[in-house]
């Protein structure tokens, strides 16, 4: 019978198989070419007489046993396989290319798995694009959330993190912005911090927290300025500066600033320290924390 479409996988769809044997007057067992599901899926014929399952023959694995006396010498035995165990693995492979670009998984056909783009698998649920899979990448698309034991997080949130600091004192020259380094790193997932600059590896909203303490000197002002792509954004609507004023010697206030900044991939953020005590001074306990908190909807 002719049909339209690809050929049927030979290890899953096939015609009936018939095993033939010849009696020798003594043998009562014969080895089948494959294991039938049960006696009821095997038709055994001896000298053109159909045998009754379990009464005239039994099957165990691929062994066919004739019940009663041995088959006479020269008598012909046919064992016709009407079915068999469904192969758990199914076909060794099923090529959908050219037959269909997707598998439909539900009754209204709006939940599918497709591969119409080369080297990419797309999963739609209720008609919405939810998941894209490419080589070495599993991507939840916009609007899709990942629910982990009841805690839902936006796509790709928390995948960038940095924590670093400086052990010992660092000199701030009087009246000059000093680039703050954080070379002693606890975390730098993705190696995004180098030479005093954090470089955003991807678009998103990032949280920065920078802090340090003045080391026993009096000053009118000590400030932390934030620079984006080497231009100051401190004191603007999108960014805070960290400032402490009118401090006496012997006091060690924490100078800190925290910002949420929307960055594009490749944007850089630097923190600078500034003091106007009238001479060069040192700071200590210098730390920086960075985390990517997600993206805007």
Protein backbone atom coordinates (compact mmCIF):
# COMPACT_ATOMS: atom_id res chain seq x y z
CA UNK A 1 0.00 0.00 0.00
CA UNK A 2 1.39 3.38 -0.93
CA UNK A 3 1.41 6.37 1.42
CA UNK A 4 2.63 9.94 1.67
CA UNK A 5 5.43 10.74 4.11
CA UNK A 6 8.64 9.25 5.43
CA UNK A 7 9.32 5.55 5.64
CA UNK A 8 8.22 3.77 8.79
CA UNK A 9 11.05 3.00 11.25
CA UNK A 10 11.91 -0.66 10.69
CA UNK A 11 12.53 -1.42 14.38
CA UNK A 12 9.04 -0.28 15.42
CA UNK A 13 6.63 -1.02 12.55
CA UNK A 14 6.92 -4.37 10.74
CA UNK A 15 4.86 -7.27 9.40
CA UNK A 16 4.19 -10.64 11.06
CA UNK A 17 7.20 -12.88 11.67
CA UNK A 18 6.90 -16.66 11.08
CA UNK A 19 9.31 -19.19 12.56
CA UNK A 20 9.44 -22.67 10.97
CA UNK A 21 10.66 -25.93 12.55
CA UNK A 22 10.63 -29.65 11.66
CA UNK A 23 9.94 -32.31 14.26
CA UNK A 24 12.46 -35.09 14.89
CA UNK A 25 10.31 -37.37 17.05
CA UNK A 26 12.00 -36.38 20.32
CA UNK A 27 12.26 -32.59 20.63
CA UNK A 28 9.50 -30.72 22.49
CA UNK A 29 11.18 -27.32 22.72
CA UNK A 30 12.09 -24.89 19.94
CA UNK A 31 13.79 -21.49 19.96
CA UNK A 32 11.79 -18.60 18.54
CA UNK A 33 13.38 -15.69 16.66
CA UNK A 34 11.94 -13.19 19.13
CA UNK A 35 10.04 -13.16 22.43
CA UNK A 36 6.24 -13.00 22.09
CA UNK A 37 4.21 -10.98 24.57
CA UNK A 38 2.29 -14.12 25.60
CA UNK A 39 0.97 -17.41 24.19
CA UNK A 40 -2.09 -15.50 22.95
CA UNK A 41 0.03 -13.43 20.54
CA UNK A 42 1.53 -16.54 18.90
CA UNK A 43 -0.26 -18.84 16.42
CA UNK A 44 1.30 -22.33 16.40
CA UNK A 45 0.40 -24.70 13.57
CA UNK A 46 1.55 -28.38 13.45
CA UNK A 47 0.82 -30.25 10.20
CA UNK A 48 -1.71 -27.55 9.32
CA UNK A 49 -3.57 -27.92 12.62
CA UNK A 50 -3.81 -24.85 14.79
CA UNK A 51 -2.74 -25.48 18.39
CA UNK A 52 -4.50 -24.07 21.47
CA UNK A 53 -2.42 -21.68 23.60
CA UNK A 54 -1.34 -23.01 27.05
CA UNK A 55 -3.17 -26.30 26.34
CA UNK A 56 -1.06 -27.48 23.41
CA UNK A 57 1.94 -25.15 23.80
CA UNK A 58 3.52 -22.67 26.21
CA UNK A 59 6.05 -19.89 25.81
CA UNK A 60 8.80 -18.71 28.15
CA UNK A 61 11.01 -15.98 26.74
CA UNK A 62 11.97 -17.23 23.28
CA UNK A 63 11.41 -20.90 24.15
CA UNK A 64 8.37 -22.60 22.58
CA UNK A 65 7.39 -25.81 24.40
CA UNK A 66 4.99 -28.34 22.86
CA UNK A 67 2.79 -29.84 25.59
CA UNK A 68 2.45 -33.62 25.56
CA UNK A 69 4.31 -35.87 23.12
CA UNK A 70 7.11 -34.79 20.86
CA UNK A 71 6.35 -33.65 17.34
CA UNK A 72 6.66 -36.55 14.95
CA UNK A 73 9.70 -36.72 12.72
CA UNK A 74 9.14 -34.71 9.55
CA UNK A 75 6.09 -32.85 10.82
CA UNK A 76 6.30 -29.13 10.06
CA UNK A 77 5.71 -26.51 12.81
CA UNK A 78 4.85 -22.88 12.08
CA UNK A 79 4.93 -20.22 14.82
CA UNK A 80 3.39 -16.94 13.62
CA UNK A 81 4.09 -13.86 15.77
CA UNK A 82 1.01 -11.63 15.93
CA UNK A 83 2.61 -9.07 18.26
CA UNK A 84 5.33 -8.59 20.82
CA UNK A 85 6.53 -6.41 23.69
CA UNK A 86 6.37 -2.75 22.77
CA UNK A 87 10.00 -1.58 22.51
CA UNK A 88 10.57 0.85 25.38
CA UNK A 89 13.06 2.87 23.42
CA UNK A 90 10.85 3.04 20.35
CA UNK A 91 12.67 3.70 17.13
CA UNK A 92 16.42 4.22 17.29
CA UNK A 93 15.71 7.64 15.80
CA UNK A 94 12.73 9.53 14.44
CA UNK A 95 13.50 12.16 11.85
CA UNK A 96 10.81 14.86 11.74
CA UNK A 97 12.74 17.06 9.36
CA UNK A 98 10.56 17.52 6.30
CA UNK A 99 7.59 15.74 7.88
CA UNK A 100 6.69 18.42 10.41
CA UNK A 101 8.36 21.34 12.16
CA UNK A 102 6.71 20.69 15.50
CA UNK A 103 5.22 18.19 17.90
CA UNK A 104 1.73 19.09 19.11
CA UNK A 105 1.25 18.09 22.75
CA UNK A 106 -2.33 19.02 23.66
CA UNK A 107 -5.89 18.86 22.34
CA UNK A 108 -6.15 22.47 21.14
CA UNK A 109 -2.70 22.39 19.48
CA UNK A 110 -1.30 25.45 21.26
CA UNK A 111 1.37 23.63 23.29
CA UNK A 112 4.18 22.52 20.99
CA UNK A 113 7.85 21.67 20.65
CA UNK A 114 9.35 22.87 17.39
CA UNK A 115 12.73 22.96 15.67
CA UNK A 116 12.05 24.99 12.53
CA UNK A 117 15.14 27.11 13.30
CA UNK A 118 18.39 25.19 12.81
CA UNK A 119 20.12 24.16 16.07
CA UNK A 120 17.30 25.60 18.17
CA UNK A 121 14.35 24.07 20.04
CA UNK A 122 11.35 26.26 20.88
CA UNK A 123 8.69 25.33 23.43
CA UNK A 124 5.30 27.04 23.36
CA UNK A 125 2.74 26.66 26.13
CA UNK A 126 -0.81 27.95 25.59
CA UNK A 127 0.43 29.65 22.42
CA UNK A 128 3.14 31.69 24.16
CA UNK A 129 6.87 31.36 23.50
CA UNK A 130 8.20 30.25 26.89
CA UNK A 131 11.49 28.36 26.44
CA UNK A 132 14.29 28.44 23.88
CA UNK A 133 17.07 25.85 23.89
CA UNK A 134 20.27 26.21 21.88
CA UNK A 135 23.70 24.64 22.23
CA UNK A 136 24.81 24.96 25.89
CA UNK A 137 22.01 27.44 26.66
CA UNK A 138 18.56 27.05 28.23
CA UNK A 139 16.69 30.37 28.00
CA UNK A 140 13.44 31.40 29.69
CA UNK A 141 11.88 34.03 27.46
CA UNK A 142 10.39 37.38 28.49
CA UNK A 143 7.46 37.03 30.85
CA UNK A 144 8.44 33.52 31.91
CA UNK A 145 9.36 32.95 35.54
CA UNK A 146 11.27 30.17 37.25
CA UNK A 147 9.43 28.86 40.31
CA UNK A 148 11.83 27.18 42.74
CA UNK A 149 9.93 25.63 45.62
CA UNK A 150 7.49 28.52 45.64
CA UNK A 151 10.08 31.26 45.14
CA UNK A 152 9.64 32.90 41.77
CA UNK A 153 12.50 34.83 40.15
CA UNK A 154 12.70 36.76 36.89
CA UNK A 155 14.67 35.40 33.97
CA UNK A 156 18.45 35.40 34.50
CA UNK A 157 18.24 37.20 37.86
CA UNK A 158 21.19 36.79 40.18
CA UNK A 159 23.55 35.38 37.58
CA UNK A 160 26.21 38.11 38.05
CA UNK A 161 27.84 38.74 41.42
CA UNK A 162 30.99 40.48 42.66
CA UNK A 163 32.45 41.12 46.09
CA UNK A 164 35.87 42.63 46.64
CA UNK A 165 37.90 44.87 48.87
CA UNK A 166 41.33 46.11 49.91
CA UNK A 167 43.35 44.84 52.85
CA UNK A 168 45.17 47.70 54.62
CA UNK A 169 45.21 51.45 54.05
CA UNK A 170 44.73 53.34 50.78
CA UNK A 171 45.81 56.96 50.30
CA UNK A 172 43.35 59.63 49.15
CA UNK A 173 45.16 62.71 47.89
CA UNK A 174 43.72 66.02 49.02
CA UNK A 175 41.14 67.52 46.67
CA UNK A 176 41.52 64.78 44.04
CA UNK A 177 39.23 61.96 42.90
CA UNK A 178 41.00 58.66 43.61
CA UNK A 179 39.91 55.52 41.73
CA UNK A 180 39.00 52.92 44.35
CA UNK A 181 40.41 49.45 43.77
CA UNK A 182 38.88 46.23 45.12
CA UNK A 183 41.53 43.72 44.11
CA UNK A 184 41.03 41.24 46.98
CA UNK A 185 38.05 39.38 45.55
CA UNK A 186 35.68 37.04 47.34
CA UNK A 187 33.39 36.51 44.34
CA UNK A 188 33.67 37.54 40.71
CA UNK A 189 31.34 35.29 38.74
CA UNK A 190 32.17 35.85 35.09
CA UNK A 191 35.36 37.88 35.81
CA UNK A 192 33.59 41.19 35.28
CA UNK A 193 35.77 43.36 37.55
CA UNK A 194 39.29 44.51 36.69
CA UNK A 195 41.47 47.61 37.19
CA UNK A 196 38.90 49.37 39.36
CA UNK A 197 36.09 48.96 36.83
CA UNK A 198 33.05 46.71 36.79
CA UNK A 199 31.92 45.86 33.23
CA UNK A 200 28.32 44.70 32.77
CA UNK A 201 28.33 41.38 30.89
CA UNK A 202 24.69 41.79 29.83
CA UNK A 203 21.78 44.22 29.95
CA UNK A 204 20.01 44.52 33.29
CA UNK A 205 19.51 46.30 36.59
CA UNK A 206 22.55 46.09 38.89
CA UNK A 207 22.89 46.92 42.58
CA UNK A 208 26.18 48.48 43.75
CA UNK A 209 27.18 49.04 47.37
CA UNK A 210 30.53 50.73 48.09
CA UNK A 211 31.87 51.53 51.58
CA UNK A 212 35.06 52.49 53.45
CA UNK A 213 36.20 54.33 56.62
CA UNK A 214 38.51 57.35 57.05
CA UNK A 215 41.61 56.48 59.07
CA UNK A 216 41.75 58.93 62.00
CA UNK A 217 41.74 62.37 60.37
CA UNK A 218 39.53 65.45 60.50
CA UNK A 219 37.80 66.65 57.37
CA UNK A 220 34.99 68.83 56.11
CA UNK A 221 33.83 66.43 53.42
CA UNK A 222 34.65 62.92 52.24
CA UNK A 223 32.72 61.75 49.19
CA UNK A 224 32.30 58.63 47.03
CA UNK A 225 31.58 59.54 43.42
CA UNK A 226 30.14 57.09 40.86
CA UNK A 227 31.27 57.13 37.22
CA UNK A 228 29.49 55.38 34.35
CA UNK A 229 31.53 54.90 31.19
CA UNK A 230 34.09 57.31 32.69
CA UNK A 231 31.57 60.14 33.22
CA UNK A 232 30.32 61.10 36.65
CA UNK A 233 26.70 60.30 37.45
CA UNK A 234 26.96 61.03 41.17
CA UNK A 235 24.27 63.36 42.48
CA UNK A 236 22.05 62.87 39.46
CA UNK A 237 18.55 61.45 39.61
CA UNK A 238 19.84 58.00 38.65
CA UNK A 239 22.65 57.80 41.21
CA UNK A 240 23.58 58.70 44.78
CA UNK A 241 26.93 59.88 46.12
CA UNK A 242 28.22 58.72 49.48
CA UNK A 243 29.19 61.62 51.74
CA UNK A 244 30.18 62.27 55.35
CA UNK A 245 30.86 65.82 56.61
CA UNK A 246 32.46 67.63 59.59
CA UNK A 247 34.27 64.72 61.18
CA UNK A 248 36.96 65.01 63.88
CA UNK A 249 40.15 63.02 64.20
CA UNK A 250 39.61 59.83 66.14
CA UNK A 251 36.27 59.19 64.50
CA UNK A 252 35.82 56.39 61.97
CA UNK A 253 32.45 56.91 60.24
CA UNK A 254 31.35 54.53 57.48
CA UNK A 255 31.26 56.30 54.12
CA UNK A 256 28.90 54.32 51.93
CA UNK A 257 26.72 54.55 48.85
CA UNK A 258 24.18 52.14 47.34
CA UNK A 259 22.74 52.45 43.84
CA UNK A 260 20.46 50.55 41.47
CA UNK A 261 21.67 51.23 37.94
CA UNK A 262 20.24 50.17 34.59
CA UNK A 263 23.19 49.07 32.45
CA UNK A 264 23.66 47.82 28.93
CA UNK A 265 26.16 45.10 28.14
CA UNK A 266 29.64 46.66 28.09
CA UNK A 267 28.83 49.62 30.37
CA UNK A 268 31.45 50.28 33.05
CA UNK A 269 31.03 51.52 36.61
CA UNK A 270 33.85 52.99 38.72
CA UNK A 271 33.88 54.43 42.25
CA UNK A 272 36.14 57.33 43.25
CA UNK A 273 37.02 58.62 46.71
CA UNK A 274 37.47 62.34 47.43
CA UNK A 275 38.50 64.22 50.60
CA UNK A 276 39.46 67.86 51.36
CA UNK A 277 41.26 67.68 54.72
CA UNK A 278 44.15 69.81 53.45
CA UNK A 279 46.61 66.92 53.08
CA UNK A 280 46.86 63.37 51.87
CA UNK A 281 45.00 60.88 54.10
CA UNK A 282 44.29 57.17 54.23
CA UNK A 283 41.11 55.11 54.26
CA UNK A 284 40.56 51.44 55.18
CA UNK A 285 37.94 48.67 55.15
CA UNK A 286 37.29 49.42 51.49
CA UNK A 287 34.60 47.09 50.04
CA UNK A 288 32.35 46.79 46.99
CA UNK A 289 29.36 44.51 46.35
CA UNK A 290 27.71 44.10 42.93
CA UNK A 291 24.78 41.89 41.95
CA UNK A 292 22.58 41.79 38.87
CA UNK A 293 19.03 41.77 40.21
CA UNK A 294 17.21 41.18 36.92
CA UNK A 295 15.57 43.09 34.12
CA UNK A 296 12.62 45.44 33.78
CA UNK A 297 9.39 43.92 32.45
